[in-house]
Amino acid sequence: MMIKISKLFIPAVVSLFFFSSLASAHVTVIPKTSTTGAWETYTLKVPVEKEVATTKVTIKAPQGVEIMSYQPVPGWTYSSEKDASGKVKTFTFEATGEGIQAGQFQQFVFVGKNPEKAAKAAWDAFQYYKDGSVVEWTGDEGSDAPHSITDIVTATTMDHHATQNTEDSDKTQKQETEKAKTEVTKKTTETSNSLSLILSGIAALLSLASIIIAIRKK
């Protein structure tokens, strides 16, 4: 009886883990929560759920989010499509080599400026495989291919204070650095002036000694 139960239970457990891993192998963008107006550092995670490599991924910028910059990744190129105002509509990371192999994942980092009003930013993604197939991660939550969503919430007073404190700290550090440079320059100048005076004194003494020697010879 136990053997029969094991024969039924083990495959069921294996299947559960298998399908769970497939369900979690989505293209995602983190963080899942950010604040309005923030310059957020986002991380795009691209797993491979097939037995062939992923060679390209294209992301559609959510409405209101401005893509500002990206972090270069060895073996990958970056390109973007912009609208009439110069804002990025879509951006693409494409492999120059073999791409992301089966069982692997790759992360891409970029900076986006969040909208000033609270919103749910949907990251539509298009994953291209080496065999020519494309998986469109554009569905709603709960679908077979959902897009990743970042909940952009209204920034609190504490968030603003934290930002201000960071800016003040950076400003203070910059001022201290400039002050240290000024002091070093001042000390260097003083040392140079002192050395000049010493050398001038030595030169005067040598000249005097030469005159005295010349007089004695006469």
N, C-alpha and C. Protein backbone atom coordinates (compact mmCIF):
# COMPACT_ATOMS: atom_id res chain seq x y z
N MET A 1 0.84 -1.21 0.00
CA MET A 1 0.00 0.00 0.00
C MET A 1 0.87 1.26 0.00
N MET A 2 1.93 1.25 0.87
CA MET A 2 2.83 2.40 0.98
C MET A 2 3.57 2.62 -0.34
N ILE A 3 3.91 1.53 -1.01
CA ILE A 3 4.63 1.63 -2.28
C ILE A 3 3.75 2.30 -3.33
N LYS A 4 2.48 1.93 -3.35
CA LYS A 4 1.54 2.52 -4.31
C LYS A 4 1.36 4.02 -4.04
N ILE A 5 1.27 4.38 -2.75
CA ILE A 5 1.11 5.78 -2.40
C ILE A 5 2.34 6.58 -2.81
N SER A 6 3.53 5.97 -2.58
CA SER A 6 4.78 6.64 -2.95
C SER A 6 4.85 6.85 -4.45
N LYS A 7 4.40 5.85 -5.21
CA LYS A 7 4.43 5.96 -6.67
C LYS A 7 3.54 7.08 -7.16
N LEU A 8 2.47 7.35 -6.44
CA LEU A 8 1.56 8.41 -6.83
C LEU A 8 2.02 9.76 -6.28
N PHE A 9 2.56 9.76 -5.06
CA PHE A 9 2.92 11.00 -4.38
C PHE A 9 4.16 11.66 -4.96
N ILE A 10 5.20 10.86 -5.19
CA ILE A 10 6.47 11.42 -5.67
C ILE A 10 6.33 12.11 -7.01
N PRO A 11 5.71 11.49 -8.03
CA PRO A 11 5.53 12.21 -9.31
C PRO A 11 4.73 13.50 -9.15
N ALA A 12 3.74 13.46 -8.23
CA ALA A 12 2.91 14.66 -8.03
C ALA A 12 3.75 15.80 -7.47
N VAL A 13 4.63 15.47 -6.50
CA VAL A 13 5.49 16.49 -5.91
C VAL A 13 6.46 17.04 -6.93
N VAL A 14 7.05 16.13 -7.73
CA VAL A 14 8.00 16.55 -8.76
C VAL A 14 7.32 17.47 -9.77
N SER A 15 6.12 17.12 -10.16
CA SER A 15 5.36 17.94 -11.12
C SER A 15 5.04 19.30 -10.53
N LEU A 16 4.71 19.32 -9.23
CA LEU A 16 4.39 20.59 -8.57
C LEU A 16 5.58 21.53 -8.61
N PHE A 17 6.76 21.01 -8.26
CA PHE A 17 7.97 21.84 -8.27
C PHE A 17 8.33 22.26 -9.68
N PHE A 18 8.12 21.36 -10.64
CA PHE A 18 8.45 21.67 -12.03
C PHE A 18 7.61 22.82 -12.54
N PHE A 19 6.31 22.74 -12.34
CA PHE A 19 5.41 23.78 -12.83
C PHE A 19 5.56 25.07 -12.03
N SER A 20 5.92 24.95 -10.75
CA SER A 20 6.16 26.15 -9.95
C SER A 20 7.37 26.90 -10.46
N SER A 21 8.42 26.15 -10.85
CA SER A 21 9.63 26.80 -11.36
C SER A 21 9.34 27.48 -12.67
N LEU A 22 8.50 26.87 -13.50
CA LEU A 22 8.14 27.50 -14.77
C LEU A 22 7.33 28.77 -14.52
N ALA A 23 6.44 28.68 -13.54
CA ALA A 23 5.59 29.84 -13.25
C ALA A 23 6.40 31.02 -12.74
N SER A 24 7.54 30.73 -12.05
CA SER A 24 8.34 31.82 -11.50
C SER A 24 9.40 32.31 -12.47
N ALA A 25 9.54 31.61 -13.61
CA ALA A 25 10.59 31.97 -14.57
C ALA A 25 10.12 33.08 -15.50
N HIS A 26 9.67 34.16 -14.91
CA HIS A 26 9.18 35.29 -15.70
C HIS A 26 10.25 36.36 -15.82
N VAL A 27 10.13 37.17 -16.84
CA VAL A 27 10.95 38.38 -16.93
C VAL A 27 10.39 39.37 -15.91
N THR A 28 11.23 39.83 -15.01
CA THR A 28 10.76 40.72 -13.94
C THR A 28 11.61 41.98 -13.85
N VAL A 29 11.00 43.02 -13.29
CA VAL A 29 11.69 44.28 -13.02
C VAL A 29 11.49 44.60 -11.55
N ILE A 30 12.58 44.87 -10.85
CA ILE A 30 12.50 45.25 -9.44
C ILE A 30 13.18 46.60 -9.24
N PRO A 31 12.79 47.37 -8.23
CA PRO A 31 11.90 47.02 -7.13
C PRO A 31 10.43 47.00 -7.54
N LYS A 32 9.66 46.33 -6.72
CA LYS A 32 8.22 46.25 -6.96
C LYS A 32 7.49 47.49 -6.48
N THR A 33 8.15 48.26 -5.64
CA THR A 33 7.55 49.50 -5.13
C THR A 33 8.59 50.62 -5.18
N SER A 34 8.18 51.80 -5.63
CA SER A 34 9.06 52.96 -5.67
C SER A 34 8.23 54.20 -5.37
N THR A 35 8.86 55.37 -5.37
CA THR A 35 8.15 56.59 -5.01
C THR A 35 8.08 57.57 -6.17
N THR A 36 7.10 58.44 -6.11
CA THR A 36 6.90 59.43 -7.16
C THR A 36 8.09 60.38 -7.27
N GLY A 37 8.46 60.71 -8.50
CA GLY A 37 9.54 61.65 -8.74
C GLY A 37 10.94 61.13 -8.50
N ALA A 38 11.06 59.88 -8.05
CA ALA A 38 12.38 59.34 -7.72
C ALA A 38 13.15 58.94 -8.98
N TRP A 39 14.47 59.07 -8.90
CA TRP A 39 15.36 58.51 -9.92
C TRP A 39 15.72 57.12 -9.43
N GLU A 40 14.96 56.15 -9.87
CA GLU A 40 15.06 54.79 -9.34
C GLU A 40 16.04 53.94 -10.16
N THR A 41 16.83 53.13 -9.46
CA THR A 41 17.69 52.15 -10.13
C THR A 41 16.91 50.85 -10.23
N TYR A 42 16.55 50.50 -11.45
CA TYR A 42 15.76 49.29 -11.69
C TYR A 42 16.66 48.15 -12.17
N THR A 43 16.27 46.93 -11.83
CA THR A 43 17.00 45.74 -12.28
C THR A 43 16.06 44.83 -13.05
N LEU A 44 16.42 44.57 -14.29
CA LEU A 44 15.65 43.68 -15.16
C LEU A 44 16.27 42.28 -15.08
N LYS A 45 15.49 41.29 -14.69
CA LYS A 45 15.97 39.92 -14.58
C LYS A 45 15.35 39.07 -15.69
N VAL A 46 16.20 38.44 -16.49
CA VAL A 46 15.73 37.64 -17.63
C VAL A 46 16.18 36.19 -17.47
N PRO A 47 15.27 35.29 -17.05
CA PRO A 47 15.61 33.87 -16.97
C PRO A 47 15.31 33.17 -18.29
N VAL A 48 15.85 31.98 -18.48
CA VAL A 48 15.59 31.19 -19.69
C VAL A 48 14.76 29.98 -19.29
N GLU A 49 13.58 29.86 -19.85
CA GLU A 49 12.69 28.75 -19.50
C GLU A 49 12.60 27.70 -20.61
N LYS A 50 13.41 27.89 -21.66
CA LYS A 50 13.44 26.90 -22.75
C LYS A 50 14.81 26.25 -22.81
N GLU A 51 14.96 25.31 -23.72
CA GLU A 51 16.24 24.63 -23.90
C GLU A 51 17.12 25.32 -24.93
N VAL A 52 16.71 26.51 -25.36
CA VAL A 52 17.52 27.30 -26.29
C VAL A 52 17.82 28.64 -25.64
N ALA A 53 18.85 29.31 -26.14
CA ALA A 53 19.33 30.55 -25.51
C ALA A 53 18.44 31.74 -25.84
N THR A 54 18.40 32.68 -24.91
CA THR A 54 17.77 33.98 -25.14
C THR A 54 18.83 34.92 -25.69
N THR A 55 18.54 35.57 -26.81
CA THR A 55 19.55 36.42 -27.46
C THR A 55 19.19 37.91 -27.42
N LYS A 56 17.96 38.21 -27.04
CA LYS A 56 17.55 39.63 -27.03
C LYS A 56 16.34 39.81 -26.13
N VAL A 57 16.27 40.99 -25.49
CA VAL A 57 15.08 41.33 -24.72
C VAL A 57 14.79 42.81 -24.93
N THR A 58 13.52 43.09 -25.22
CA THR A 58 13.08 44.47 -25.45
C THR A 58 12.04 44.85 -24.40
N ILE A 59 12.21 46.04 -23.83
CA ILE A 59 11.30 46.51 -22.79
C ILE A 59 10.60 47.78 -23.27
N LYS A 60 9.30 47.83 -23.05
CA LYS A 60 8.53 49.03 -23.36
C LYS A 60 8.46 49.88 -22.10
N ALA A 61 8.92 51.14 -22.21
CA ALA A 61 8.91 52.03 -21.04
C ALA A 61 7.48 52.30 -20.60
N PRO A 62 7.15 52.12 -19.32
CA PRO A 62 5.80 52.41 -18.84
C PRO A 62 5.46 53.89 -19.01
N GLN A 63 4.20 54.17 -19.14
CA GLN A 63 3.77 55.55 -19.28
C GLN A 63 4.18 56.38 -18.06
N GLY A 64 4.85 57.50 -18.32
CA GLY A 64 5.27 58.39 -17.24
C GLY A 64 6.66 58.13 -16.72
N VAL A 65 7.24 56.96 -17.03
CA VAL A 65 8.60 56.65 -16.58
C VAL A 65 9.59 57.02 -17.68
N GLU A 66 10.58 57.84 -17.34
CA GLU A 66 11.59 58.25 -18.30
C GLU A 66 12.87 57.44 -18.08
N ILE A 67 13.32 56.76 -19.11
CA ILE A 67 14.55 55.98 -19.02
C ILE A 67 15.73 56.93 -19.20
N MET A 68 16.58 57.03 -18.17
CA MET A 68 17.65 58.03 -18.17
C MET A 68 19.01 57.46 -18.55
N SER A 69 19.35 56.27 -18.06
CA SER A 69 20.66 55.70 -18.34
C SER A 69 20.62 54.20 -18.10
N TYR A 70 21.72 53.52 -18.47
CA TYR A 70 21.79 52.07 -18.28
C TYR A 70 23.21 51.68 -17.92
N GLN A 71 23.35 50.49 -17.35
CA GLN A 71 24.67 49.96 -17.00
C GLN A 71 25.12 48.99 -18.09
N PRO A 72 26.28 49.24 -18.72
CA PRO A 72 26.75 48.34 -19.78
C PRO A 72 26.97 46.93 -19.25
N VAL A 73 26.68 45.95 -20.09
CA VAL A 73 26.88 44.54 -19.72
C VAL A 73 27.79 43.91 -20.77
N PRO A 74 28.90 43.33 -20.36
CA PRO A 74 29.80 42.68 -21.32
C PRO A 74 29.07 41.62 -22.14
N GLY A 75 29.27 41.65 -23.45
CA GLY A 75 28.62 40.66 -24.32
C GLY A 75 27.23 41.07 -24.77
N TRP A 76 26.81 42.29 -24.42
CA TRP A 76 25.48 42.76 -24.79
C TRP A 76 25.55 44.21 -25.28
N THR A 77 24.71 44.52 -26.26
CA THR A 77 24.61 45.90 -26.75
C THR A 77 23.29 46.49 -26.29
N TYR A 78 23.26 47.81 -26.23
CA TYR A 78 22.04 48.52 -25.82
C TYR A 78 21.60 49.45 -26.95
N SER A 79 20.30 49.47 -27.20
CA SER A 79 19.74 50.39 -28.19
C SER A 79 18.37 50.84 -27.70
N SER A 80 17.89 51.97 -28.21
CA SER A 80 16.59 52.47 -27.78
C SER A 80 15.86 53.14 -28.93
N GLU A 81 14.56 53.18 -28.80
CA GLU A 81 13.70 53.89 -29.76
C GLU A 81 13.05 55.04 -29.01
N LYS A 82 13.15 56.26 -29.56
CA LYS A 82 12.63 57.44 -28.87
C LYS A 82 11.46 58.06 -29.62
N ASP A 83 10.65 58.81 -28.90
CA ASP A 83 9.53 59.51 -29.52
C ASP A 83 9.98 60.88 -30.02
N ALA A 84 9.04 61.68 -30.50
CA ALA A 84 9.36 62.98 -31.09
C ALA A 84 10.00 63.94 -30.08
N SER A 85 9.69 63.73 -28.79
CA SER A 85 10.24 64.61 -27.76
C SER A 85 11.59 64.14 -27.23
N GLY A 86 12.06 63.02 -27.76
CA GLY A 86 13.36 62.50 -27.33
C GLY A 86 13.32 61.54 -26.16
N LYS A 87 12.12 61.19 -25.70
CA LYS A 87 11.99 60.26 -24.59
C LYS A 87 11.99 58.82 -25.10
N VAL A 88 12.61 57.92 -24.31
CA VAL A 88 12.73 56.52 -24.71
C VAL A 88 11.37 55.82 -24.66
N LYS A 89 10.98 55.23 -25.81
CA LYS A 89 9.74 54.46 -25.88
C LYS A 89 10.01 52.99 -25.55
N THR A 90 11.04 52.44 -26.17
CA THR A 90 11.46 51.06 -25.92
C THR A 90 12.98 51.01 -25.87
N PHE A 91 13.51 50.05 -25.13
CA PHE A 91 14.96 49.85 -25.12
C PHE A 91 15.26 48.35 -25.17
N THR A 92 16.39 48.03 -25.78
CA THR A 92 16.72 46.64 -26.08
C THR A 92 18.14 46.30 -25.66
N PHE A 93 18.28 45.12 -25.05
CA PHE A 93 19.59 44.53 -24.79
C PHE A 93 19.71 43.32 -25.71
N GLU A 94 20.77 43.29 -26.53
CA GLU A 94 20.94 42.20 -27.49
C GLU A 94 22.34 41.60 -27.36
N ALA A 95 22.39 40.28 -27.36
CA ALA A 95 23.66 39.57 -27.16
C ALA A 95 24.54 39.66 -28.40
N THR A 96 25.83 39.82 -28.17
CA THR A 96 26.80 39.79 -29.27
C THR A 96 27.40 38.40 -29.39
N GLY A 97 27.14 37.54 -28.41
CA GLY A 97 27.66 36.17 -28.43
C GLY A 97 26.52 35.16 -28.39
N GLU A 98 26.66 34.19 -27.50
CA GLU A 98 25.68 33.10 -27.43
C GLU A 98 24.42 33.47 -26.64
N GLY A 99 24.47 34.54 -25.88
CA GLY A 99 23.28 34.94 -25.12
C GLY A 99 23.16 34.22 -23.79
N ILE A 100 21.94 34.16 -23.27
CA ILE A 100 21.67 33.51 -21.98
C ILE A 100 21.30 32.05 -22.24
N GLN A 101 22.08 31.15 -21.71
CA GLN A 101 21.87 29.73 -21.97
C GLN A 101 20.76 29.16 -21.09
N ALA A 102 20.28 27.96 -21.48
CA ALA A 102 19.23 27.28 -20.71
C ALA A 102 19.70 27.06 -19.28
N GLY A 103 18.82 27.34 -18.34
CA GLY A 103 19.16 27.18 -16.93
C GLY A 103 19.87 28.38 -16.33
N GLN A 104 20.09 29.42 -17.13
CA GLN A 104 20.77 30.60 -16.64
C GLN A 104 19.81 31.80 -16.62
N PHE A 105 20.28 32.90 -16.04
CA PHE A 105 19.54 34.16 -16.12
C PHE A 105 20.54 35.29 -16.19
N GLN A 106 20.08 36.44 -16.65
CA GLN A 106 20.94 37.62 -16.79
C GLN A 106 20.21 38.82 -16.21
N GLN A 107 20.96 39.72 -15.56
CA GLN A 107 20.37 40.93 -15.01
C GLN A 107 20.90 42.15 -15.75
N PHE A 108 20.01 43.10 -15.98
CA PHE A 108 20.35 44.36 -16.64
C PHE A 108 19.87 45.50 -15.75
N VAL A 109 20.74 46.47 -15.53
CA VAL A 109 20.43 47.58 -14.61
C VAL A 109 20.28 48.88 -15.39
N PHE A 110 19.23 49.63 -15.05
CA PHE A 110 19.02 50.92 -15.69
C PHE A 110 18.38 51.88 -14.70
N VAL A 111 18.43 53.17 -15.02
CA VAL A 111 17.86 54.20 -14.15
C VAL A 111 16.66 54.83 -14.83
N GLY A 112 15.57 54.92 -14.10
CA GLY A 112 14.36 55.54 -14.64
C GLY A 112 13.87 56.63 -13.71
N LYS A 113 13.37 57.71 -14.29
CA LYS A 113 12.79 58.79 -13.50
C LYS A 113 11.29 58.55 -13.41
N ASN A 114 10.80 58.36 -12.20
CA ASN A 114 9.38 58.04 -11.99
C ASN A 114 8.49 59.25 -12.23
N PRO A 115 7.22 59.00 -12.56
CA PRO A 115 6.27 60.11 -12.75
C PRO A 115 6.01 60.81 -11.42
N GLU A 116 5.48 62.01 -11.50
CA GLU A 116 5.21 62.81 -10.30
C GLU A 116 3.92 62.38 -9.60
N LYS A 117 3.08 61.61 -10.30
CA LYS A 117 1.84 61.14 -9.70
C LYS A 117 1.89 59.63 -9.49
N ALA A 118 1.23 59.15 -8.45
CA ALA A 118 1.20 57.72 -8.15
C ALA A 118 0.60 56.94 -9.31
N ALA A 119 1.18 55.77 -9.59
CA ALA A 119 0.71 54.96 -10.72
C ALA A 119 1.25 53.54 -10.60
N LYS A 120 0.73 52.67 -11.41
CA LYS A 120 1.25 51.31 -11.52
C LYS A 120 1.99 51.21 -12.85
N ALA A 121 3.29 51.08 -12.79
CA ALA A 121 4.12 51.03 -14.00
C ALA A 121 4.22 49.59 -14.49
N ALA A 122 3.67 49.34 -15.67
CA ALA A 122 3.69 48.00 -16.25
C ALA A 122 4.85 47.89 -17.24
N TRP A 123 5.73 46.93 -17.01
CA TRP A 123 6.91 46.74 -17.85
C TRP A 123 6.65 45.63 -18.87
N ASP A 124 6.13 45.99 -20.02
CA ASP A 124 5.92 45.00 -21.09
C ASP A 124 7.28 44.58 -21.64
N ALA A 125 7.51 43.26 -21.70
CA ALA A 125 8.81 42.75 -22.14
C ALA A 125 8.62 41.73 -23.25
N PHE A 126 9.59 41.71 -24.16
CA PHE A 126 9.57 40.79 -25.30
C PHE A 126 10.89 40.03 -25.30
N GLN A 127 10.80 38.72 -25.04
CA GLN A 127 11.99 37.87 -24.90
C GLN A 127 12.20 37.06 -26.18
N TYR A 128 13.35 37.27 -26.82
CA TYR A 128 13.66 36.62 -28.10
C TYR A 128 14.62 35.44 -27.89
N TYR A 129 14.23 34.29 -28.46
CA TYR A 129 15.06 33.10 -28.36
C TYR A 129 15.83 32.84 -29.66
N LYS A 130 16.88 32.04 -29.54
CA LYS A 130 17.76 31.75 -30.67
C LYS A 130 17.04 31.02 -31.79
N ASP A 131 15.97 30.27 -31.45
CA ASP A 131 15.23 29.53 -32.47
C ASP A 131 14.21 30.40 -33.21
N GLY A 132 14.19 31.71 -32.89
CA GLY A 132 13.27 32.62 -33.58
C GLY A 132 11.97 32.87 -32.84
N SER A 133 11.71 32.13 -31.79
CA SER A 133 10.47 32.31 -31.04
C SER A 133 10.57 33.54 -30.13
N VAL A 134 9.41 34.11 -29.82
CA VAL A 134 9.34 35.30 -28.97
C VAL A 134 8.27 35.09 -27.91
N VAL A 135 8.62 35.35 -26.68
CA VAL A 135 7.64 35.29 -25.59
C VAL A 135 7.31 36.73 -25.20
N GLU A 136 6.04 37.07 -25.27
CA GLU A 136 5.59 38.42 -24.94
C GLU A 136 5.06 38.46 -23.51
N TRP A 137 5.84 39.08 -22.64
CA TRP A 137 5.43 39.23 -21.25
C TRP A 137 4.63 40.53 -21.14
N THR A 138 3.39 40.47 -21.57
CA THR A 138 2.54 41.67 -21.64
C THR A 138 1.16 41.47 -21.00
N GLY A 139 0.94 40.29 -20.42
CA GLY A 139 -0.37 40.00 -19.85
C GLY A 139 -0.56 40.58 -18.46
N ASP A 140 -1.80 40.55 -17.99
CA ASP A 140 -2.11 41.01 -16.65
C ASP A 140 -1.66 39.99 -15.61
N GLU A 141 -1.63 40.40 -14.36
CA GLU A 141 -1.24 39.50 -13.28
C GLU A 141 -2.16 38.29 -13.24
N GLY A 142 -1.57 37.11 -13.16
CA GLY A 142 -2.36 35.88 -13.14
C GLY A 142 -2.44 35.21 -14.49
N SER A 143 -2.00 35.90 -15.56
CA SER A 143 -2.02 35.30 -16.89
C SER A 143 -0.79 34.42 -17.06
N ASP A 144 -0.72 33.71 -18.19
CA ASP A 144 0.41 32.82 -18.45
C ASP A 144 1.71 33.58 -18.66
N ALA A 145 1.62 34.80 -19.18
CA ALA A 145 2.82 35.60 -19.44
C ALA A 145 2.59 37.04 -18.94
N PRO A 146 2.58 37.21 -17.63
CA PRO A 146 2.28 38.55 -17.07
C PRO A 146 3.46 39.51 -17.19
N HIS A 147 3.14 40.79 -17.33
CA HIS A 147 4.21 41.78 -17.28
C HIS A 147 4.51 42.12 -15.82
N SER A 148 5.73 42.57 -15.58
CA SER A 148 6.12 42.96 -14.23
C SER A 148 5.54 44.35 -13.94
N ILE A 149 5.17 44.58 -12.69
CA ILE A 149 4.55 45.86 -12.30
C ILE A 149 5.30 46.47 -11.12
N THR A 150 5.57 47.75 -11.22
CA THR A 150 6.13 48.51 -10.10
C THR A 150 5.06 49.48 -9.60
N ASP A 151 4.74 49.36 -8.33
CA ASP A 151 3.75 50.24 -7.73
C ASP A 151 4.44 51.53 -7.30
N ILE A 152 4.17 52.62 -8.01
CA ILE A 152 4.78 53.91 -7.69
C ILE A 152 3.85 54.68 -6.78
N VAL A 153 4.29 54.84 -5.52
CA VAL A 153 3.43 55.46 -4.51
C VAL A 153 3.91 56.88 -4.21
N THR A 154 3.01 57.67 -3.64
CA THR A 154 3.33 59.06 -3.32
C THR A 154 4.44 59.13 -2.28
N ALA A 155 5.45 59.93 -2.57
CA ALA A 155 6.58 60.08 -1.65
C ALA A 155 6.13 60.75 -0.36
N THR A 156 6.60 60.25 0.78
CA THR A 156 6.25 60.83 2.08
C THR A 156 7.24 61.94 2.45
N THR A 157 6.89 62.68 3.50
CA THR A 157 7.79 63.73 3.99
C THR A 157 9.13 63.15 4.40
N MET A 158 9.10 61.94 4.96
CA MET A 158 10.32 61.27 5.38
C MET A 158 11.22 61.00 4.18
N ASP A 159 10.61 60.60 3.05
CA ASP A 159 11.38 60.35 1.83
C ASP A 159 12.08 61.62 1.39
N HIS A 160 11.36 62.75 1.44
CA HIS A 160 11.94 64.02 1.03
C HIS A 160 13.08 64.42 1.97
N HIS A 161 12.86 64.17 3.29
CA HIS A 161 13.91 64.50 4.26
C HIS A 161 15.14 63.66 4.02
N ALA A 162 14.94 62.38 3.72
CA ALA A 162 16.07 61.49 3.47
C ALA A 162 16.85 61.96 2.26
N THR A 163 16.11 62.37 1.21
CA THR A 163 16.78 62.87 0.01
C THR A 163 17.55 64.14 0.31
N GLN A 164 16.92 65.05 1.10
CA GLN A 164 17.56 66.31 1.45
C GLN A 164 18.81 66.07 2.29
N ASN A 165 18.71 65.12 3.23
CA ASN A 165 19.86 64.80 4.08
C ASN A 165 21.02 64.27 3.25
N THR A 166 20.70 63.46 2.26
CA THR A 166 21.74 62.91 1.38
C THR A 166 22.40 64.02 0.59
N GLU A 167 21.57 64.94 0.06
CA GLU A 167 22.12 66.06 -0.70
C GLU A 167 22.99 66.95 0.19
N ASP A 168 22.52 67.23 1.44
CA ASP A 168 23.29 68.05 2.36
C ASP A 168 24.62 67.39 2.72
N SER A 169 24.56 66.06 2.92
CA SER A 169 25.78 65.32 3.25
C SER A 169 26.79 65.40 2.11
N ASP A 170 26.29 65.23 0.88
CA ASP A 170 27.17 65.32 -0.29
C ASP A 170 27.77 66.71 -0.41
N LYS A 171 26.95 67.75 -0.13
CA LYS A 171 27.42 69.13 -0.22
C LYS A 171 28.50 69.40 0.82
N THR A 172 28.26 68.91 2.05
CA THR A 172 29.24 69.10 3.13
C THR A 172 30.55 68.41 2.81
N GLN A 173 30.45 67.18 2.30
CA GLN A 173 31.65 66.42 1.94
C GLN A 173 32.44 67.14 0.85
N LYS A 174 31.72 67.70 -0.11
CA LYS A 174 32.37 68.43 -1.20
C LYS A 174 33.09 69.66 -0.67
N GLN A 175 32.43 70.38 0.25
CA GLN A 175 33.03 71.57 0.84
C GLN A 175 34.29 71.22 1.63
N GLU A 176 34.22 70.12 2.38
CA GLU A 176 35.38 69.69 3.16
C GLU A 176 36.54 69.30 2.26
N THR A 177 36.21 68.65 1.14
CA THR A 177 37.25 68.25 0.19
C THR A 177 37.92 69.48 -0.42
N GLU A 178 37.10 70.48 -0.80
CA GLU A 178 37.65 71.72 -1.36
C GLU A 178 38.51 72.45 -0.34
N LYS A 179 38.07 72.44 0.93
CA LYS A 179 38.82 73.11 1.99
C LYS A 179 40.17 72.43 2.18
N ALA A 180 40.18 71.10 2.15
CA ALA A 180 41.43 70.36 2.32
C ALA A 180 42.39 70.66 1.17
N LYS A 181 41.84 70.74 -0.06
CA LYS A 181 42.68 71.06 -1.22
C LYS A 181 43.29 72.45 -1.07
N THR A 182 42.48 73.41 -0.58
CA THR A 182 42.96 74.78 -0.39
C THR A 182 44.09 74.83 0.63
N GLU A 183 43.90 74.09 1.74
CA GLU A 183 44.93 74.07 2.78
C GLU A 183 46.23 73.47 2.28
N VAL A 184 46.12 72.39 1.50
CA VAL A 184 47.32 71.76 0.94
C VAL A 184 48.04 72.72 0.01
N THR A 185 47.25 73.42 -0.84
CA THR A 185 47.85 74.39 -1.77
C THR A 185 48.53 75.52 -1.00
N LYS A 186 47.88 75.99 0.09
CA LYS A 186 48.43 77.08 0.90
C LYS A 186 49.75 76.66 1.55
N LYS A 187 49.76 75.43 2.11
CA LYS A 187 50.98 74.93 2.75
C LYS A 187 52.10 74.75 1.74
N THR A 188 51.74 74.27 0.55
CA THR A 188 52.73 74.09 -0.50
C THR A 188 53.35 75.42 -0.89
N THR A 189 52.48 76.47 -1.00
CA THR A 189 52.96 77.81 -1.35
C THR A 189 53.87 78.37 -0.27
N GLU A 190 53.47 78.18 1.02
CA GLU A 190 54.27 78.67 2.13
C GLU A 190 55.64 77.99 2.17
N THR A 191 55.63 76.69 1.93
CA THR A 191 56.88 75.93 1.91
C THR A 191 57.80 76.42 0.79
N SER A 192 57.19 76.66 -0.38
CA SER A 192 57.94 77.14 -1.53
C SER A 192 58.56 78.51 -1.25
N ASN A 193 57.77 79.40 -0.60
CA ASN A 193 58.26 80.74 -0.27
C ASN A 193 59.40 80.68 0.74
N SER A 194 59.25 79.81 1.74
CA SER A 194 60.30 79.66 2.75
C SER A 194 61.59 79.15 2.13
N LEU A 195 61.44 78.18 1.23
CA LEU A 195 62.61 77.62 0.55
C LEU A 195 63.31 78.69 -0.28
N SER A 196 62.52 79.54 -0.92
CA SER A 196 63.10 80.62 -1.73
C SER A 196 63.90 81.59 -0.88
N LEU A 197 63.36 81.92 0.31
CA LEU A 197 64.06 82.82 1.22
C LEU A 197 65.37 82.22 1.70
N ILE A 198 65.33 80.93 2.02
CA ILE A 198 66.55 80.25 2.50
C ILE A 198 67.62 80.24 1.42
N LEU A 199 67.19 79.91 0.20
CA LEU A 199 68.14 79.88 -0.90
C LEU A 199 68.72 81.26 -1.18
N SER A 200 67.84 82.27 -1.08
CA SER A 200 68.31 83.65 -1.29
C SER A 200 69.33 84.03 -0.22
N GLY A 201 69.09 83.62 1.04
CA GLY A 201 70.02 83.91 2.13
C GLY A 201 71.37 83.24 1.92
N ILE A 202 71.30 81.96 1.49
CA ILE A 202 72.54 81.23 1.22
C ILE A 202 73.33 81.89 0.10
N ALA A 203 72.61 82.32 -0.94
CA ALA A 203 73.27 82.99 -2.07
C ALA A 203 73.93 84.29 -1.62
N ALA A 204 73.27 85.04 -0.73
CA ALA A 204 73.83 86.30 -0.21
C ALA A 204 75.09 86.06 0.61
N LEU A 205 75.05 85.00 1.44
CA LEU A 205 76.21 84.66 2.25
C LEU A 205 77.40 84.25 1.38
N LEU A 206 77.12 83.46 0.34
CA LEU A 206 78.19 83.04 -0.56
C LEU A 206 78.81 84.24 -1.27
N SER A 207 77.94 85.17 -1.66
CA SER A 207 78.43 86.38 -2.33
C SER A 207 79.32 87.19 -1.39
N LEU A 208 78.90 87.33 -0.12
CA LEU A 208 79.66 88.07 0.88
C LEU A 208 81.02 87.41 1.14
N ALA A 209 80.96 86.06 1.21
CA ALA A 209 82.20 85.32 1.44
C ALA A 209 83.16 85.52 0.29
N SER A 210 82.65 85.54 -0.92
CA SER A 210 83.50 85.74 -2.10
C SER A 210 84.15 87.11 -2.06
N ILE A 211 83.38 88.12 -1.65
CA ILE A 211 83.92 89.49 -1.57
C ILE A 211 85.03 89.56 -0.54
N ILE A 212 84.80 88.93 0.64
CA ILE A 212 85.81 88.95 1.70
C ILE A 212 87.11 88.27 1.25
N ILE A 213 86.97 87.12 0.59
CA ILE A 213 88.14 86.40 0.09
C ILE A 213 88.91 87.24 -0.92
N ALA A 214 88.18 87.92 -1.80
CA ALA A 214 88.81 88.76 -2.83
C ALA A 214 89.57 89.93 -2.18
N ILE A 215 89.02 90.51 -1.14
CA ILE A 215 89.67 91.64 -0.44
C ILE A 215 90.97 91.18 0.23
N ARG A 216 90.91 90.02 0.90
CA ARG A 216 92.08 89.49 1.58
C ARG A 216 93.24 89.20 0.61
N LYS A 217 92.89 88.70 -0.58
CA LYS A 217 93.92 88.40 -1.56
C LYS A 217 94.67 89.67 -2.00
N LYS A 218 93.97 90.78 -2.03
CA LYS A 218 94.60 92.04 -2.41
C LYS A 218 95.53 92.52 -1.32
